[in-house]
Amino acid sequence: MKKWKLLSLTVLFCTARLFIASAANININISNFAFDPPSPTIAVGDTVTWMNSDLSAHTATSGQPGVSDGKFNSGTLAQDQSFSHTFTEAGTLPYYCAFHTFMTGTITVQGATGQGPTVNITNPANGATIANPGNVSIEATASSTSSTVSKLEFFDGSTLLGEDTSSPYSFTANLAAGSHSLTAKATDAAGASTTSSAISVTVGGGGTKITDPIPTKIAKGNVTIELQTIVDGLISPLGVAVPDDNSGRMFLYDQAGLIHVITNGVKMTDPLLDVRSRLVQLNPQYDERGLLGVATHPNFAEHPFIYTYTSEPNGAMADFMILIPTPQQITISR
């Protein structure tokens, strides 16, 4: 009798070790404003790790672009930071970068044969637009090859809307105006569960649609507008600051770190200020950092101060600072 117990424990222990060893870790590199690979197929129990190799900050946020469904969220990932998430349910989970919503991907999680039910939302359709806020019928199908479906839960993002325990599965939800990410989670009698692919629904604010806002066309006039080139050869001009000293000058600032003086449409040869040596290293393809703003003192004639808003490496204290948890500082200097 004791030998049989020992053999049973040994089998259970080996089975557990095989189950643990079957889990895998999949790496997704964030580089050049893209996920690589963007859409891996994994198994239940696998872990996905996102590593940000870009200079710019990114996120890995589950849901449709701009509409998080609450399944996972990395938060802000600075360069060389990573985020890992272990997937415990089968299903298809889209994700995106909250800062750059054109960056998207999909994690397809497969369960073992007969391990979990299958579930899909059939109404409303993905991408549907509903004119007015109010009650919306959400319908889904679910089945299990190894058990019976015991309940179906309906979610808006991470918020549980309600559940249904018998087929055909449906729930009527009161949806407010805005974007909604709807999913359905099926659980079978054995306790296995699967979440459907998310569908995106947009609910309008109601009211009357204006087909033509200007039914009477504006007559063509005799005013001619001409455009003339004042300054060229810039990298990324962002704006101008005009000092209050009646000089007629304009201070044009370039994201690359230069402030140019323009007087009567003519740019001075030498820049007024060059802060390029103080900036973080900028990505030549695309960057959201650099010399981001310039302002002059409101009484510039008597107080000729210029204030700059820059992205600089962590270092000496500036006149005014906004600290963020990244290897850089946003600095306002005078």
Protein backbone atom coordinates (compact mmCIF):
# COMPACT_ATOMS: atom_id res chain seq x y z
CA MET A 1 0.00 0.00 0.00
CA LYS A 2 2.82 2.42 0.84
CA LYS A 3 4.56 1.63 -2.47
CA TRP A 4 1.45 2.62 -4.44
CA LYS A 5 1.22 5.94 -2.56
CA LEU A 6 4.87 6.68 -3.28
CA LEU A 7 4.37 5.88 -6.96
CA SER A 8 1.33 8.19 -7.12
CA LEU A 9 3.24 11.06 -5.55
CA THR A 10 6.10 10.53 -8.00
CA VAL A 11 3.72 10.64 -10.99
CA LEU A 12 2.04 13.80 -9.70
CA PHE A 13 5.41 15.46 -9.10
CA CYS A 14 6.67 14.61 -12.59
CA THR A 15 3.41 15.80 -14.15
CA ALA A 16 3.72 19.13 -12.34
CA ARG A 17 7.31 19.53 -13.51
CA LEU A 18 6.31 18.85 -17.11
CA PHE A 19 3.50 21.42 -16.86
CA ILE A 20 5.84 24.07 -15.46
CA ALA A 21 8.50 23.35 -18.07
CA SER A 22 5.93 23.75 -20.88
CA ALA A 23 5.46 27.46 -20.17
CA ALA A 24 7.49 29.71 -22.47
CA ASN A 25 8.69 33.32 -22.43
CA ILE A 26 8.20 35.29 -25.64
CA ASN A 27 10.08 38.55 -26.18
CA ILE A 28 8.70 41.51 -28.13
CA ASN A 29 11.18 44.28 -28.93
CA ILE A 30 9.91 47.86 -29.27
CA SER A 31 12.12 49.55 -31.84
CA ASN A 32 11.69 52.22 -34.52
CA PHE A 33 8.12 52.85 -33.29
CA ALA A 34 6.99 49.26 -33.92
CA PHE A 35 6.46 46.02 -31.98
CA ASP A 36 8.69 43.16 -33.20
CA PRO A 37 7.15 40.64 -33.59
CA PRO A 38 3.79 42.39 -33.29
CA SER A 39 1.44 39.40 -33.18
CA PRO A 40 2.84 36.17 -31.69
CA THR A 41 0.74 33.08 -31.04
CA ILE A 42 1.33 31.62 -27.57
CA ALA A 43 -0.15 29.04 -25.21
CA VAL A 44 -2.03 29.47 -21.95
CA GLY A 45 0.56 29.94 -19.19
CA ASP A 46 3.16 31.59 -21.44
CA THR A 47 4.69 34.95 -20.54
CA VAL A 48 5.27 37.82 -22.98
CA THR A 49 7.96 40.42 -22.23
CA TRP A 50 8.04 43.79 -24.01
CA MET A 51 11.43 45.56 -24.08
CA ASN A 52 11.63 49.22 -25.17
CA SER A 53 14.75 49.86 -27.27
CA ASP A 54 13.59 53.27 -28.53
CA LEU A 55 14.69 56.63 -27.15
CA SER A 56 11.02 57.59 -26.97
CA ALA A 57 8.76 56.24 -24.23
CA HIS A 58 6.12 53.64 -25.16
CA THR A 59 3.47 51.42 -23.57
CA ALA A 60 1.99 47.96 -24.19
CA THR A 61 -1.71 48.48 -23.45
CA SER A 62 -4.39 45.88 -24.17
CA GLY A 63 -7.43 46.89 -26.21
CA GLN A 64 -8.21 48.73 -29.41
CA PRO A 65 -6.09 51.85 -30.18
CA GLY A 66 -7.05 54.53 -27.68
CA VAL A 67 -9.53 52.27 -25.81
CA SER A 68 -7.91 50.16 -23.08
CA ASP A 69 -9.81 47.01 -22.07
CA GLY A 70 -7.93 46.64 -18.76
CA LYS A 71 -6.45 43.18 -19.46
CA PHE A 72 -2.84 44.40 -19.14
CA ASN A 73 -0.97 47.70 -19.20
CA SER A 74 2.77 48.24 -18.95
CA GLY A 75 2.54 51.88 -17.98
CA THR A 76 5.26 54.17 -19.35
CA LEU A 77 8.34 52.26 -20.54
CA ALA A 78 11.46 54.40 -20.91
CA GLN A 79 14.40 53.18 -22.99
CA ASP A 80 15.72 49.77 -21.83
CA GLN A 81 12.74 49.21 -19.51
CA SER A 82 10.61 46.07 -19.87
CA PHE A 83 7.20 44.72 -18.89
CA SER A 84 6.06 41.09 -18.58
CA HIS A 85 2.58 39.58 -18.46
CA THR A 86 1.56 35.92 -18.07
CA PHE A 87 -1.53 34.91 -20.04
CA THR A 88 -3.82 32.53 -18.12
CA GLU A 89 -6.78 32.40 -20.51
CA ALA A 90 -7.17 31.49 -24.17
CA GLY A 91 -8.30 34.25 -26.50
CA THR A 92 -7.21 36.97 -28.91
CA LEU A 93 -5.98 40.17 -27.26
CA PRO A 94 -5.16 43.28 -29.33
CA TYR A 95 -2.78 45.85 -27.84
CA TYR A 96 -1.29 49.23 -28.72
CA CYS A 97 1.01 52.02 -27.54
CA ALA A 98 -0.95 54.65 -25.62
CA PHE A 99 1.47 57.40 -26.77
CA HIS A 100 1.54 56.34 -30.44
CA THR A 101 -1.74 54.60 -31.29
CA PHE A 102 -0.54 53.65 -34.78
CA MET A 103 1.68 51.08 -33.03
CA THR A 104 -0.50 47.96 -32.67
CA GLY A 105 -0.24 44.20 -32.25
CA THR A 106 -2.22 41.12 -31.23
CA ILE A 107 -1.48 38.31 -28.76
CA THR A 108 -3.23 35.05 -29.73
CA VAL A 109 -3.41 32.71 -26.73
CA GLN A 110 -4.20 29.09 -27.50
CA GLY A 111 -5.40 26.59 -24.90
CA ALA A 112 -4.78 22.85 -24.95
CA THR A 113 -7.28 20.74 -26.93
CA GLY A 114 -10.48 20.47 -24.92
CA GLN A 115 -9.10 22.75 -22.22
CA GLY A 116 -11.44 25.70 -22.56
CA PRO A 117 -14.59 26.81 -24.35
CA THR A 118 -14.76 28.93 -27.48
CA VAL A 119 -16.63 32.23 -27.41
CA ASN A 120 -17.36 35.03 -29.88
CA ILE A 121 -19.46 38.20 -29.78
CA THR A 122 -21.93 38.22 -32.68
CA ASN A 123 -23.69 41.52 -32.00
CA PRO A 124 -22.89 44.39 -32.27
CA ALA A 125 -20.34 44.11 -35.06
CA ASN A 126 -16.75 45.20 -34.51
CA GLY A 127 -16.39 48.87 -35.42
CA ALA A 128 -20.14 49.52 -35.14
CA THR A 129 -21.37 53.07 -34.53
CA ILE A 130 -24.51 53.57 -32.44
CA ALA A 131 -26.14 56.96 -32.84
CA ASN A 132 -27.55 57.54 -29.34
CA PRO A 133 -26.60 56.52 -25.79
CA GLY A 134 -28.88 53.91 -24.22
CA ASN A 135 -29.58 50.18 -24.12
CA VAL A 136 -27.52 48.01 -26.47
CA SER A 137 -28.06 44.25 -26.84
CA ILE A 138 -24.78 42.31 -26.70
CA GLU A 139 -25.06 38.76 -28.10
CA ALA A 140 -22.50 35.95 -28.14
CA THR A 141 -22.06 32.26 -28.93
CA ALA A 142 -20.10 29.83 -26.77
CA SER A 143 -19.39 26.09 -26.82
CA SER A 144 -17.11 23.51 -25.17
CA THR A 145 -15.92 20.19 -26.63
CA SER A 146 -14.91 18.72 -23.27
CA SER A 147 -17.60 20.12 -20.94
CA THR A 148 -20.67 22.35 -20.85
CA VAL A 149 -20.72 26.13 -20.72
CA SER A 150 -21.93 27.21 -17.28
CA LYS A 151 -21.97 30.99 -17.74
CA LEU A 152 -21.06 33.84 -20.04
CA GLU A 153 -19.87 37.19 -18.62
CA PHE A 154 -19.96 40.43 -20.61
CA PHE A 155 -17.34 43.16 -20.06
CA ASP A 156 -16.82 46.77 -21.14
CA GLY A 157 -13.05 47.06 -20.77
CA SER A 158 -12.41 45.64 -17.29
CA THR A 159 -15.93 46.46 -16.02
CA LEU A 160 -18.32 43.54 -15.66
CA LEU A 161 -21.64 44.44 -17.29
CA GLY A 162 -23.55 41.25 -16.46
CA GLU A 163 -23.83 37.54 -17.24
CA ASP A 164 -26.07 34.92 -18.83
CA THR A 165 -26.20 31.23 -17.90
CA SER A 166 -28.18 29.79 -20.81
CA SER A 167 -28.00 29.85 -24.59
CA PRO A 168 -28.64 31.99 -26.60
CA TYR A 169 -26.31 34.22 -24.58
CA SER A 170 -27.08 37.93 -24.44
CA PHE A 171 -27.11 40.93 -22.15
CA THR A 172 -28.59 44.41 -22.55
CA ALA A 173 -26.17 47.10 -21.39
CA ASN A 174 -26.70 50.83 -21.05
CA LEU A 175 -23.77 52.37 -22.91
CA ALA A 176 -22.88 56.04 -22.55
CA ALA A 177 -21.53 58.19 -25.36
CA GLY A 178 -17.92 57.40 -26.22
CA SER A 179 -15.76 54.42 -27.23
CA HIS A 180 -16.30 50.97 -25.72
CA SER A 181 -14.22 47.76 -25.87
CA LEU A 182 -16.59 44.80 -25.40
CA THR A 183 -15.57 41.22 -24.58
CA ALA A 184 -17.33 38.04 -23.46
CA LYS A 185 -15.80 35.49 -21.07
CA ALA A 186 -17.10 31.89 -21.20
CA THR A 187 -16.59 29.51 -18.26
CA ASP A 188 -17.37 25.78 -18.49
CA ALA A 189 -18.43 23.31 -15.81
CA ALA A 190 -14.81 22.19 -15.35
CA GLY A 191 -13.77 25.74 -14.43
CA ALA A 192 -11.86 26.49 -17.66
CA SER A 193 -12.52 29.91 -19.17
CA THR A 194 -11.85 31.76 -22.42
CA THR A 195 -12.22 35.44 -23.29
CA SER A 196 -13.39 36.49 -26.75
CA SER A 197 -11.65 38.92 -29.04
CA ALA A 198 -12.54 42.50 -28.14
CA ILE A 199 -14.86 44.45 -30.39
CA SER A 200 -14.84 48.23 -30.55
CA VAL A 201 -18.13 50.14 -30.46
CA THR A 202 -18.60 53.90 -30.69
CA VAL A 203 -21.71 55.47 -29.17
CA GLY A 204 -22.67 58.93 -30.41
CA GLY A 205 -24.01 61.76 -28.31
CA GLY A 206 -27.39 61.90 -30.03
CA GLY A 207 -28.84 65.01 -31.65
CA THR A 208 -29.58 65.82 -35.25
CA LYS A 209 -27.02 65.16 -37.96
CA ILE A 210 -26.25 68.20 -40.12
CA THR A 211 -25.86 66.95 -43.67
CA ASP A 212 -24.55 70.24 -45.06
CA PRO A 213 -23.41 72.86 -42.51
CA ILE A 214 -23.19 75.55 -45.22
CA PRO A 215 -26.19 75.03 -47.54
CA THR A 216 -25.63 78.44 -49.15
CA LYS A 217 -22.16 78.55 -50.65
CA ILE A 218 -19.92 81.52 -49.96
CA ALA A 219 -19.43 83.56 -53.10
CA LYS A 220 -15.94 83.73 -54.55
CA GLY A 221 -14.29 87.07 -53.80
CA ASN A 222 -11.54 89.07 -55.43
CA VAL A 223 -9.02 88.76 -52.55
CA THR A 224 -5.74 87.10 -53.49
CA ILE A 225 -3.46 85.58 -50.87
CA GLU A 226 0.18 85.10 -51.70
CA LEU A 227 2.75 83.10 -49.74
CA GLN A 228 6.38 84.11 -49.63
CA THR A 229 9.34 82.19 -48.25
CA ILE A 230 10.83 84.10 -45.31
CA VAL A 231 13.17 81.51 -43.83
CA ASP A 232 14.35 78.14 -45.11
CA GLY A 233 16.98 75.58 -44.22
CA LEU A 234 15.45 74.82 -40.83
CA ILE A 235 15.15 71.32 -39.33
CA SER A 236 11.94 71.42 -37.28
CA PRO A 237 10.67 74.97 -36.57
CA LEU A 238 8.05 74.95 -33.81
CA GLY A 239 7.06 78.58 -33.26
CA VAL A 240 8.04 82.19 -32.67
CA ALA A 241 8.28 84.49 -29.68
CA VAL A 242 7.84 88.24 -30.20
CA PRO A 243 9.63 90.52 -27.67
CA ASP A 244 7.68 93.50 -26.37
CA ASP A 245 10.31 96.10 -27.24
CA ASN A 246 8.91 97.66 -30.47
CA SER A 247 11.92 96.33 -32.38
CA GLY A 248 9.84 94.34 -34.87
CA ARG A 249 11.98 91.28 -34.21
CA MET A 250 10.71 87.71 -34.03
CA PHE A 251 12.57 84.89 -32.28
CA LEU A 252 11.99 81.69 -34.26
CA TYR A 253 12.93 78.51 -32.40
CA ASP A 254 13.87 75.18 -33.92
CA GLN A 255 13.39 71.86 -32.08
CA ALA A 256 17.00 70.99 -32.90
CA GLY A 257 18.13 73.67 -30.38
CA LEU A 258 18.55 76.97 -32.24
CA ILE A 259 16.78 80.33 -31.81
CA HIS A 260 16.95 82.59 -34.88
CA VAL A 261 16.26 86.34 -35.08
CA ILE A 262 14.04 87.56 -37.94
CA THR A 263 13.77 91.28 -38.58
CA ASN A 264 11.63 92.66 -41.43
CA GLY A 265 11.51 89.21 -43.01
CA VAL A 266 15.29 88.69 -42.95
CA LYS A 267 17.01 86.08 -40.77
CA MET A 268 20.26 87.00 -39.04
CA THR A 269 23.22 84.85 -40.04
CA ASP A 270 24.13 83.87 -36.48
CA PRO A 271 21.52 82.40 -34.14
CA LEU A 272 20.47 84.34 -31.05
CA LEU A 273 20.93 81.24 -28.89
CA ASP A 274 22.31 77.73 -29.44
CA VAL A 275 21.33 75.13 -26.78
CA ARG A 276 22.11 72.01 -28.81
CA SER A 277 24.93 70.98 -26.47
CA ARG A 278 22.51 70.95 -23.51
CA LEU A 279 19.88 68.68 -25.08
CA VAL A 280 19.51 64.93 -24.82
CA GLN A 281 20.62 63.02 -27.90
CA LEU A 282 17.77 63.32 -30.38
CA ASN A 283 16.58 60.58 -32.74
CA PRO A 284 17.17 61.96 -36.27
CA GLN A 285 14.19 59.98 -37.66
CA TYR A 286 11.59 61.08 -35.10
CA ASP A 287 11.64 62.57 -31.63
CA GLU A 288 9.28 64.49 -29.36
CA ARG A 289 12.07 66.06 -27.30
CA GLY A 290 14.43 68.98 -27.83
CA LEU A 291 13.92 72.75 -27.67
CA LEU A 292 10.14 72.69 -27.25
CA GLY A 293 9.25 76.26 -26.28
CA VAL A 294 10.53 79.82 -26.04
CA ALA A 295 9.01 82.84 -24.28
CA THR A 296 10.19 86.39 -23.65
CA HIS A 297 9.74 88.53 -20.56
CA PRO A 298 6.47 90.53 -20.78
CA ASN A 299 8.51 93.72 -20.28
CA PHE A 300 11.38 92.72 -22.52
CA ALA A 301 12.57 96.30 -23.10
CA GLU A 302 13.62 96.64 -19.44
CA HIS A 303 14.07 92.95 -18.60
CA PRO A 304 15.56 91.23 -21.69
CA PHE A 305 15.06 87.69 -20.42
CA ILE A 306 14.38 84.68 -22.67
CA TYR A 307 12.89 81.48 -21.21
CA THR A 308 13.53 78.11 -22.88
CA TYR A 309 11.69 74.82 -22.43
CA THR A 310 14.09 71.95 -23.18
CA SER A 311 14.70 68.22 -22.78
CA GLU A 312 18.07 67.80 -21.07
CA PRO A 313 20.02 64.93 -19.46
CA ASN A 314 19.79 64.70 -15.71
CA GLY A 315 22.45 66.94 -14.24
CA ALA A 316 22.77 70.36 -12.67
CA MET A 317 19.67 72.02 -11.29
CA ALA A 318 17.90 74.38 -13.70
CA ASP A 319 16.04 77.59 -12.85
CA PHE A 320 12.71 75.74 -13.00
CA MET A 321 12.37 71.95 -13.24
CA ILE A 322 9.65 69.36 -13.91
CA LEU A 323 10.94 65.96 -12.77
CA ILE A 324 9.72 62.78 -14.48
CA PRO A 325 10.91 59.18 -13.84
CA THR A 326 13.12 58.91 -16.96
CA PRO A 327 16.86 59.34 -17.67
CA GLN A 328 16.17 62.96 -18.63
CA GLN A 329 14.66 66.14 -17.21
CA ILE A 330 12.26 68.66 -18.68
CA THR A 331 13.92 72.01 -17.98
CA ILE A 332 12.72 75.62 -18.05
CA SER A 333 15.69 78.00 -18.02
CA ARG A 334 16.14 81.75 -18.10
